[in-house]
Amino acid sequence: MNLELNGRTALVLGAGGGLGRAIARTLAGEGARVALADIDAEALKATQAELDARGAATLPLLWNIADLDACDGHVAAIEAALGPVDILVNNTGGPPPSPAHGVAPASWEAQFRAMALSVIHLTDRVLPNMRARKWGRIVTSTSSGVVAPIPNLGVSNSLRSTLVGWSKTLAREVAPFGITANVILPGRIATARIRFLDEQKAKREGRPVDDVIAESTGSIPMGRYGTPEEYADAVAFLASARAAYITGSVIRVDGGYLPNI
């Protein structure tokens, strides 16, 4: 299947590793020009080196997405180097584990700015050019916690759910302009973040981390964690011309893990 991404410009947040790097790699492999954004300079450099070695057109951007004032300058740099953003992949990091209660208001505010407001502000910045060209793809990566809240991830569950409501509302507003807005959520994908959460759970419960991983994979019908590449393939499809009639949706990539309809 030709995804018709050749010559499109994509901006991938969190492109330095894990899901973001896999998404950037896959989009570049389909012919897209890819702007790589990350707060980690070394991770960003590694992703750029990998894609450049494959002959991809890239632009690395050391970017703290919570710094709203930096947004316009970064997007302008992308437009100058690669062209207007056709595909925006909103992929932000998660907050530290926490309950839903007892978290300081300042922490809520900081995480809201980093995880939600930053995404909304950036999307508003790239939408005018998408509307003018009557083509655009906005793919927002969240978490399985928006469907089935995950214990001890109270802040993450709450703020990522905010993005689901925002994306669904946005989808209706921009559909007349040939723009789609979808949410994609990972189940248990083998990334450093999942390893960290497994280790934290093992520490809390006083168990070996291998036991926690075995218990976790045992709850997945496919009996394993997914790969970042499998997740990236789903993102690439949603970003493609072939997904023009899919919008306002929440797509799970979870190996059948979530039991609810």
C-alpha atoms as a PDB file:
ATOM      1  CA  MET A   1       0.000   0.000   0.000  1.00  0.00           C
ATOM      2  CA  ASN A   2       1.319   3.424  -0.959  1.00  0.00           C
ATOM      3  CA  LEU A   3       0.732   5.753   1.982  1.00  0.00           C
ATOM      4  CA  GLU A   4       1.467   8.776  -0.238  1.00  0.00           C
ATOM      5  CA  LEU A   5       3.721  10.418   2.328  1.00  0.00           C
ATOM      6  CA  ASN A   6       6.531  11.178  -0.099  1.00  0.00           C
ATOM      7  CA  GLY A   7       7.308  14.878   0.111  1.00  0.00           C
ATOM      8  CA  ARG A   8       5.098  15.526   3.126  1.00  0.00           C
ATOM      9  CA  THR A   9       6.565  17.359   6.112  1.00  0.00           C
ATOM     10  CA  ALA A  10       6.095  15.785   9.531  1.00  0.00           C
ATOM     11  CA  LEU A  11       6.874  17.117  12.987  1.00  0.00           C
ATOM     12  CA  VAL A  12       7.409  14.417  15.599  1.00  0.00           C
ATOM     13  CA  LEU A  13       7.582  15.401  19.255  1.00  0.00           C
ATOM     14  CA  GLY A  14       9.639  13.238  21.582  1.00  0.00           C
ATOM     15  CA  ALA A  15      11.626  11.989  18.603  1.00  0.00           C
ATOM     16  CA  GLY A  16      14.724  11.261  20.667  1.00  0.00           C
ATOM     17  CA  GLY A  17      13.764   7.747  21.671  1.00  0.00           C
ATOM     18  CA  GLY A  18      11.162   5.079  22.287  1.00  0.00           C
ATOM     19  CA  LEU A  19       7.921   5.602  20.424  1.00  0.00           C
ATOM     20  CA  GLY A  20       8.960   8.963  18.978  1.00  0.00           C
ATOM     21  CA  ARG A  21      12.116   7.644  17.342  1.00  0.00           C
ATOM     22  CA  ALA A  22      10.245   4.691  15.864  1.00  0.00           C
ATOM     23  CA  ILE A  23       7.562   7.026  14.490  1.00  0.00           C
ATOM     24  CA  ALA A  24      10.158   9.353  12.974  1.00  0.00           C
ATOM     25  CA  ARG A  25      11.985   6.397  11.419  1.00  0.00           C
ATOM     26  CA  THR A  26       8.802   4.984   9.902  1.00  0.00           C
ATOM     27  CA  LEU A  27       7.583   8.301   8.490  1.00  0.00           C
ATOM     28  CA  ALA A  28      11.002   8.974   6.994  1.00  0.00           C
ATOM     29  CA  GLY A  29      10.984   5.491   5.486  1.00  0.00           C
ATOM     30  CA  GLU A  30       7.728   6.378   3.748  1.00  0.00           C
ATOM     31  CA  GLY A  31       9.354   9.416   2.168  1.00  0.00           C
ATOM     32  CA  ALA A  32       8.340  12.186   4.554  1.00  0.00           C
ATOM     33  CA  ARG A  33      10.630  15.009   5.560  1.00  0.00           C
ATOM     34  CA  VAL A  34      10.825  14.859   9.343  1.00  0.00           C
ATOM     35  CA  ALA A  35      11.404  17.569  11.920  1.00  0.00           C
ATOM     36  CA  LEU A  36      12.689  15.939  15.094  1.00  0.00           C
ATOM     37  CA  ALA A  37      11.851  17.609  18.405  1.00  0.00           C
ATOM     38  CA  ASP A  38      13.139  16.545  21.793  1.00  0.00           C
ATOM     39  CA  ILE A  39      14.373  18.011  25.063  1.00  0.00           C
ATOM     40  CA  ASP A  40      17.267  15.519  25.270  1.00  0.00           C
ATOM     41  CA  ALA A  41      20.158  16.718  23.103  1.00  0.00           C
ATOM     42  CA  GLU A  42      22.012  13.398  22.989  1.00  0.00           C
ATOM     43  CA  ALA A  43      18.917  11.367  22.193  1.00  0.00           C
ATOM     44  CA  LEU A  44      17.972  13.849  19.492  1.00  0.00           C
ATOM     45  CA  LYS A  45      21.438  13.631  17.972  1.00  0.00           C
ATOM     46  CA  ALA A  46      21.208   9.828  17.885  1.00  0.00           C
ATOM     47  CA  THR A  47      17.868   9.879  16.068  1.00  0.00           C
ATOM     48  CA  GLN A  48      19.139  12.411  13.560  1.00  0.00           C
ATOM     49  CA  ALA A  49      22.260  10.358  12.872  1.00  0.00           C
ATOM     50  CA  GLU A  50      20.208   7.224  12.284  1.00  0.00           C
ATOM     51  CA  LEU A  51      17.812   8.925   9.871  1.00  0.00           C
ATOM     52  CA  ASP A  52      20.509  10.872   8.071  1.00  0.00           C
ATOM     53  CA  ALA A  53      22.360   7.594   7.478  1.00  0.00           C
ATOM     54  CA  ARG A  54      19.219   6.363   5.722  1.00  0.00           C
ATOM     55  CA  GLY A  55      19.181   9.416   3.469  1.00  0.00           C
ATOM     56  CA  ALA A  56      16.197  11.062   5.117  1.00  0.00           C
ATOM     57  CA  ALA A  57      15.578  14.804   5.095  1.00  0.00           C
ATOM     58  CA  THR A  58      15.539  15.871   8.744  1.00  0.00           C
ATOM     59  CA  LEU A  59      15.702  18.917  10.960  1.00  0.00           C
ATOM     60  CA  PRO A  60      16.652  18.385  14.618  1.00  0.00           C
ATOM     61  CA  LEU A  61      15.176  20.814  17.142  1.00  0.00           C
ATOM     62  CA  LEU A  62      16.250  20.909  20.767  1.00  0.00           C
ATOM     63  CA  TRP A  63      12.849  21.851  22.139  1.00  0.00           C
ATOM     64  CA  ASN A  64      11.295  22.042  25.571  1.00  0.00           C
ATOM     65  CA  ILE A  65       7.690  21.815  24.481  1.00  0.00           C
ATOM     66  CA  ALA A  66       6.513  23.360  27.758  1.00  0.00           C
ATOM     67  CA  ASP A  67       8.190  26.619  26.682  1.00  0.00           C
ATOM     68  CA  LEU A  68       5.255  28.051  24.755  1.00  0.00           C
ATOM     69  CA  ASP A  69       7.214  31.121  23.703  1.00  0.00           C
ATOM     70  CA  ALA A  70       9.641  28.940  21.734  1.00  0.00           C
ATOM     71  CA  CYS A  71       6.900  27.370  19.616  1.00  0.00           C
ATOM     72  CA  ASP A  72       6.614  29.981  16.892  1.00  0.00           C
ATOM     73  CA  GLY A  73      10.346  30.150  16.236  1.00  0.00           C
ATOM     74  CA  HIS A  74      10.707  26.381  15.984  1.00  0.00           C
ATOM     75  CA  VAL A  75       7.772  26.017  13.609  1.00  0.00           C
ATOM     76  CA  ALA A  76       9.088  28.881  11.482  1.00  0.00           C
ATOM     77  CA  ALA A  77      12.433  27.072  11.249  1.00  0.00           C
ATOM     78  CA  ILE A  78      10.654  23.918  10.058  1.00  0.00           C
ATOM     79  CA  GLU A  79       8.703  25.852   7.459  1.00  0.00           C
ATOM     80  CA  ALA A  80      11.896  27.446   6.149  1.00  0.00           C
ATOM     81  CA  ALA A  81      13.916  24.222   6.010  1.00  0.00           C
ATOM     82  CA  LEU A  82      11.372  21.520   5.172  1.00  0.00           C
ATOM     83  CA  GLY A  83       8.132  23.275   4.290  1.00  0.00           C
ATOM     84  CA  PRO A  84       4.839  23.756   6.151  1.00  0.00           C
ATOM     85  CA  VAL A  85       3.923  21.005   8.587  1.00  0.00           C
ATOM     86  CA  ASP A  86       1.517  18.491   7.007  1.00  0.00           C
ATOM     87  CA  ILE A  87       1.684  15.899   9.789  1.00  0.00           C
ATOM     88  CA  LEU A  88       1.899  16.693  13.480  1.00  0.00           C
ATOM     89  CA  VAL A  89       2.608  13.843  15.874  1.00  0.00           C
ATOM     90  CA  ASN A  90       1.945  15.027  19.420  1.00  0.00           C
ATOM     91  CA  ASN A  91       4.008  12.697  21.571  1.00  0.00           C
ATOM     92  CA  THR A  92       4.899  14.088  24.983  1.00  0.00           C
ATOM     93  CA  GLY A  93       6.614  12.489  27.934  1.00  0.00           C
ATOM     94  CA  GLY A  94       4.706  11.303  30.951  1.00  0.00           C
ATOM     95  CA  PRO A  95       4.829  12.632  34.498  1.00  0.00           C
ATOM     96  CA  PRO A  96       6.262  10.719  37.446  1.00  0.00           C
ATOM     97  CA  PRO A  97       3.954   8.096  38.994  1.00  0.00           C
ATOM     98  CA  SER A  98       1.526   9.615  41.488  1.00  0.00           C
ATOM     99  CA  PRO A  99      -1.912   9.134  42.999  1.00  0.00           C
ATOM    100  CA  ALA A 100      -4.772  11.358  41.898  1.00  0.00           C
ATOM    101  CA  HIS A 101      -4.905  13.051  45.304  1.00  0.00           C
ATOM    102  CA  GLY A 102      -2.345  14.970  47.324  1.00  0.00           C
ATOM    103  CA  VAL A 103      -0.406  16.346  44.352  1.00  0.00           C
ATOM    104  CA  ALA A 104       0.620  19.987  44.775  1.00  0.00           C
ATOM    105  CA  PRO A 105      -1.249  22.483  42.574  1.00  0.00           C
ATOM    106  CA  ALA A 106       2.066  23.710  41.172  1.00  0.00           C
ATOM    107  CA  SER A 107       2.832  20.181  39.966  1.00  0.00           C
ATOM    108  CA  TRP A 108      -0.576  19.917  38.296  1.00  0.00           C
ATOM    109  CA  GLU A 109       0.024  23.251  36.580  1.00  0.00           C
ATOM    110  CA  ALA A 110       3.500  22.329  35.372  1.00  0.00           C
ATOM    111  CA  GLN A 111       2.384  18.975  33.996  1.00  0.00           C
ATOM    112  CA  PHE A 112      -0.694  20.480  32.349  1.00  0.00           C
ATOM    113  CA  ARG A 113       1.541  22.971  30.580  1.00  0.00           C
ATOM    114  CA  ALA A 114       3.979  20.276  29.437  1.00  0.00           C
ATOM    115  CA  MET A 115       1.489  17.579  28.470  1.00  0.00           C
ATOM    116  CA  ALA A 116      -1.672  19.366  27.334  1.00  0.00           C
ATOM    117  CA  LEU A 117      -1.366  23.109  26.836  1.00  0.00           C
ATOM    118  CA  SER A 118       1.837  22.669  24.837  1.00  0.00           C
ATOM    119  CA  VAL A 119       0.094  20.297  22.430  1.00  0.00           C
ATOM    120  CA  ILE A 120      -2.913  22.574  22.016  1.00  0.00           C
ATOM    121  CA  HIS A 121      -0.723  25.630  21.440  1.00  0.00           C
ATOM    122  CA  LEU A 122       1.498  23.887  18.884  1.00  0.00           C
ATOM    123  CA  THR A 123      -1.476  22.493  17.003  1.00  0.00           C
ATOM    124  CA  ASP A 124      -2.990  25.968  16.786  1.00  0.00           C
ATOM    125  CA  ARG A 125       0.291  27.171  15.279  1.00  0.00           C
ATOM    126  CA  VAL A 126       0.368  24.660  12.425  1.00  0.00           C
ATOM    127  CA  LEU A 127      -3.365  24.543  11.647  1.00  0.00           C
ATOM    128  CA  PRO A 128      -3.613  27.714   9.513  1.00  0.00           C
ATOM    129  CA  ASN A 129      -1.252  26.325   6.858  1.00  0.00           C
ATOM    130  CA  MET A 130      -3.049  22.971   6.928  1.00  0.00           C
ATOM    131  CA  ARG A 131      -6.371  24.730   6.392  1.00  0.00           C
ATOM    132  CA  ALA A 132      -4.976  26.818   3.556  1.00  0.00           C
ATOM    133  CA  ARG A 133      -3.741  23.669   1.777  1.00  0.00           C
ATOM    134  CA  LYS A 134      -6.853  21.662   2.738  1.00  0.00           C
ATOM    135  CA  TRP A 135      -4.754  18.747   4.000  1.00  0.00           C
ATOM    136  CA  GLY A 136      -3.400  17.835   7.395  1.00  0.00           C
ATOM    137  CA  ARG A 137      -2.964  15.066   9.910  1.00  0.00           C
ATOM    138  CA  ILE A 138      -2.887  15.547  13.681  1.00  0.00           C
ATOM    139  CA  VAL A 139      -2.057  12.368  15.579  1.00  0.00           C
ATOM    140  CA  THR A 140      -1.919  12.611  19.368  1.00  0.00           C
ATOM    141  CA  SER A 141      -0.302   9.794  21.311  1.00  0.00           C
ATOM    142  CA  THR A 142      -1.730   9.303  24.786  1.00  0.00           C
ATOM    143  CA  SER A 143      -1.928   6.200  27.004  1.00  0.00           C
ATOM    144  CA  SER A 144      -4.158   3.226  27.716  1.00  0.00           C
ATOM    145  CA  GLY A 145      -4.949   5.125  30.926  1.00  0.00           C
ATOM    146  CA  VAL A 146      -7.468   7.247  29.012  1.00  0.00           C
ATOM    147  CA  VAL A 147      -9.586   4.119  28.528  1.00  0.00           C
ATOM    148  CA  ALA A 148      -8.782   2.208  31.704  1.00  0.00           C
ATOM    149  CA  PRO A 149      -7.086   4.450  34.308  1.00  0.00           C
ATOM    150  CA  ILE A 150      -3.792   2.990  35.474  1.00  0.00           C
ATOM    151  CA  PRO A 151      -3.194   2.794  39.241  1.00  0.00           C
ATOM    152  CA  ASN A 152      -0.631   5.268  40.572  1.00  0.00           C
ATOM    153  CA  LEU A 153      -0.681   7.319  37.364  1.00  0.00           C
ATOM    154  CA  GLY A 154      -3.279   9.812  38.519  1.00  0.00           C
ATOM    155  CA  VAL A 155      -1.784  12.889  36.849  1.00  0.00           C
ATOM    156  CA  SER A 156      -1.091  11.061  33.591  1.00  0.00           C
ATOM    157  CA  ASN A 157      -4.588   9.531  33.424  1.00  0.00           C
ATOM    158  CA  SER A 158      -6.188  12.908  34.013  1.00  0.00           C
ATOM    159  CA  LEU A 159      -4.170  15.070  31.652  1.00  0.00           C
ATOM    160  CA  ARG A 160      -4.035  12.582  28.808  1.00  0.00           C
ATOM    161  CA  SER A 161      -7.823  12.257  29.039  1.00  0.00           C
ATOM    162  CA  THR A 162      -7.988  16.017  28.531  1.00  0.00           C
ATOM    163  CA  LEU A 163      -6.315  15.541  25.159  1.00  0.00           C
ATOM    164  CA  VAL A 164      -8.897  12.963  24.107  1.00  0.00           C
ATOM    165  CA  GLY A 165     -11.743  15.430  24.641  1.00  0.00           C
ATOM    166  CA  TRP A 166      -9.789  18.173  22.896  1.00  0.00           C
ATOM    167  CA  SER A 167      -8.913  15.988  19.885  1.00  0.00           C
ATOM    168  CA  LYS A 168     -12.491  14.775  19.437  1.00  0.00           C
ATOM    169  CA  THR A 169     -13.800  18.345  19.493  1.00  0.00           C
ATOM    170  CA  LEU A 170     -11.062  19.548  17.155  1.00  0.00           C
ATOM    171  CA  ALA A 171     -11.783  16.770  14.653  1.00  0.00           C
ATOM    172  CA  ARG A 172     -15.267  18.143  13.930  1.00  0.00           C
ATOM    173  CA  GLU A 173     -13.951  21.673  13.554  1.00  0.00           C
ATOM    174  CA  VAL A 174     -11.225  20.910  11.021  1.00  0.00           C
ATOM    175  CA  ALA A 175     -12.803  18.070   9.017  1.00  0.00           C
ATOM    176  CA  PRO A 176     -14.230  20.442   6.346  1.00  0.00           C
ATOM    177  CA  PHE A 177     -10.654  21.443   5.522  1.00  0.00           C
ATOM    178  CA  GLY A 178      -9.388  17.927   4.805  1.00  0.00           C
ATOM    179  CA  ILE A 179      -7.683  17.694   8.189  1.00  0.00           C
ATOM    180  CA  THR A 180      -8.012  14.703  10.486  1.00  0.00           C
ATOM    181  CA  ALA A 181      -7.398  14.551  14.215  1.00  0.00           C
ATOM    182  CA  ASN A 182      -7.029  11.210  15.938  1.00  0.00           C
ATOM    183  CA  VAL A 183      -5.765   9.826  19.215  1.00  0.00           C
ATOM    184  CA  ILE A 184      -3.621   6.731  19.280  1.00  0.00           C
ATOM    185  CA  LEU A 185      -2.871   4.963  22.502  1.00  0.00           C
ATOM    186  CA  PRO A 186      -0.274   2.348  23.315  1.00  0.00           C
ATOM    187  CA  GLY A 187      -0.892  -0.649  25.458  1.00  0.00           C
ATOM    188  CA  ARG A 188       2.239  -2.230  26.845  1.00  0.00           C
ATOM    189  CA  ILE A 189       4.912  -1.278  24.316  1.00  0.00           C
ATOM    190  CA  ALA A 190       8.530  -2.218  25.055  1.00  0.00           C
ATOM    191  CA  THR A 191      10.053   1.216  25.694  1.00  0.00           C
ATOM    192  CA  ALA A 192      12.224   2.729  28.406  1.00  0.00           C
ATOM    193  CA  ARG A 193       9.079   4.288  29.916  1.00  0.00           C
ATOM    194  CA  ILE A 194       7.417   0.896  30.337  1.00  0.00           C
ATOM    195  CA  ARG A 195      10.607  -0.525  31.819  1.00  0.00           C
ATOM    196  CA  PHE A 196      10.682   2.368  34.293  1.00  0.00           C
ATOM    197  CA  LEU A 197       7.056   1.797  35.307  1.00  0.00           C
ATOM    198  CA  ASP A 198       7.658  -1.939  35.731  1.00  0.00           C
ATOM    199  CA  GLU A 199      10.685  -1.213  37.904  1.00  0.00           C
ATOM    200  CA  GLN A 200       8.722   1.272  40.002  1.00  0.00           C
ATOM    201  CA  LYS A 201       5.946  -1.255  40.546  1.00  0.00           C
ATOM    202  CA  ALA A 202       8.460  -3.929  41.511  1.00  0.00           C
ATOM    203  CA  LYS A 203      10.028  -1.537  44.010  1.00  0.00           C
ATOM    204  CA  ARG A 204       6.680  -0.576  45.552  1.00  0.00           C
ATOM    205  CA  GLU A 205       5.607  -4.187  45.909  1.00  0.00           C
ATOM    206  CA  GLY A 206       8.975  -5.616  46.906  1.00  0.00           C
ATOM    207  CA  ARG A 207       9.086  -8.056  44.004  1.00  0.00           C
ATOM    208  CA  PRO A 208      11.641  -8.890  41.290  1.00  0.00           C
ATOM    209  CA  VAL A 209      11.041  -6.832  38.160  1.00  0.00           C
ATOM    210  CA  ASP A 210      11.021 -10.008  36.051  1.00  0.00           C
ATOM    211  CA  ASP A 211       7.990 -11.192  38.016  1.00  0.00           C
ATOM    212  CA  VAL A 212       6.213  -7.922  37.313  1.00  0.00           C
ATOM    213  CA  ILE A 213       6.991  -8.202  33.601  1.00  0.00           C
ATOM    214  CA  ALA A 214       5.817 -11.825  33.482  1.00  0.00           C
ATOM    215  CA  GLU A 215       2.574 -10.873  35.208  1.00  0.00           C
ATOM    216  CA  SER A 216       2.085  -7.964  32.815  1.00  0.00           C
ATOM    217  CA  THR A 217       2.705  -9.932  29.632  1.00  0.00           C
ATOM    218  CA  GLY A 218       0.496 -12.705  30.979  1.00  0.00           C
ATOM    219  CA  SER A 219      -2.438 -10.267  30.979  1.00  0.00           C
ATOM    220  CA  ILE A 220      -1.974  -9.487  27.269  1.00  0.00           C
ATOM    221  CA  PRO A 221      -3.775 -11.886  24.891  1.00  0.00           C
ATOM    222  CA  MET A 222      -0.778 -11.862  22.550  1.00  0.00           C
ATOM    223  CA  GLY A 223       1.471 -12.791  25.460  1.00  0.00           C
ATOM    224  CA  ARG A 224       4.115 -10.136  24.858  1.00  0.00           C
ATOM    225  CA  TYR A 225       4.805  -6.426  24.845  1.00  0.00           C
ATOM    226  CA  GLY A 226       4.377  -4.656  21.530  1.00  0.00           C
ATOM    227  CA  THR A 227       7.314  -3.171  19.661  1.00  0.00           C
ATOM    228  CA  PRO A 228       7.762   0.546  18.984  1.00  0.00           C
ATOM    229  CA  GLU A 229       7.784  -0.287  15.271  1.00  0.00           C
ATOM    230  CA  GLU A 230       4.312  -1.831  15.487  1.00  0.00           C
ATOM    231  CA  TYR A 231       3.040   1.333  17.131  1.00  0.00           C
ATOM    232  CA  ALA A 232       4.781   3.529  14.564  1.00  0.00           C
ATOM    233  CA  ASP A 233       3.156   1.648  11.685  1.00  0.00           C
ATOM    234  CA  ALA A 234      -0.273   2.536  13.055  1.00  0.00           C
ATOM    235  CA  VAL A 235       0.728   6.192  13.398  1.00  0.00           C
ATOM    236  CA  ALA A 236       2.027   6.246   9.825  1.00  0.00           C
ATOM    237  CA  PHE A 237      -1.260   4.890   8.522  1.00  0.00           C
ATOM    238  CA  LEU A 238      -3.261   7.550  10.388  1.00  0.00           C
ATOM    239  CA  ALA A 239      -0.874  10.155   8.969  1.00  0.00           C
ATOM    240  CA  SER A 240      -1.367   8.950   5.425  1.00  0.00           C
ATOM    241  CA  ALA A 241      -3.677   9.767   2.544  1.00  0.00           C
ATOM    242  CA  ARG A 242      -5.222   6.317   2.992  1.00  0.00           C
ATOM    243  CA  ALA A 243      -6.703   7.336   6.352  1.00  0.00           C
ATOM    244  CA  ALA A 244      -8.547  10.377   4.995  1.00  0.00           C
ATOM    245  CA  TYR A 245     -11.925   9.198   6.337  1.00  0.00           C
ATOM    246  CA  ILE A 246     -10.729   8.328   9.837  1.00  0.00           C
ATOM    247  CA  THR A 247     -11.060  11.221  12.244  1.00  0.00           C
ATOM    248  CA  GLY A 248     -12.191  11.848  15.803  1.00  0.00           C
ATOM    249  CA  SER A 249     -11.166   8.302  16.674  1.00  0.00           C
ATOM    250  CA  VAL A 250      -9.228   6.665  19.473  1.00  0.00           C
ATOM    251  CA  ILE A 251      -7.109   3.835  18.069  1.00  0.00           C
ATOM    252  CA  ARG A 252      -5.653   1.212  20.402  1.00  0.00           C
ATOM    253  CA  VAL A 253      -2.390  -0.570  19.721  1.00  0.00           C
ATOM    254  CA  ASP A 254      -2.444  -2.933  22.663  1.00  0.00           C
ATOM    255  CA  GLY A 255      -2.362  -6.579  21.562  1.00  0.00           C
ATOM    256  CA  GLY A 256      -5.902  -6.991  22.899  1.00  0.00           C
ATOM    257  CA  TYR A 257      -4.856  -5.916  26.402  1.00  0.00           C
ATOM    258  CA  LEU A 258      -7.748  -3.582  27.231  1.00  0.00           C
ATOM    259  CA  PRO A 259     -10.805  -5.709  28.022  1.00  0.00           C
ATOM    260  CA  ASN A 260     -13.455  -3.015  27.678  1.00  0.00           C
ATOM    261  CA  ILE A 261     -15.330  -2.234  24.475  1.00  0.00           C
END
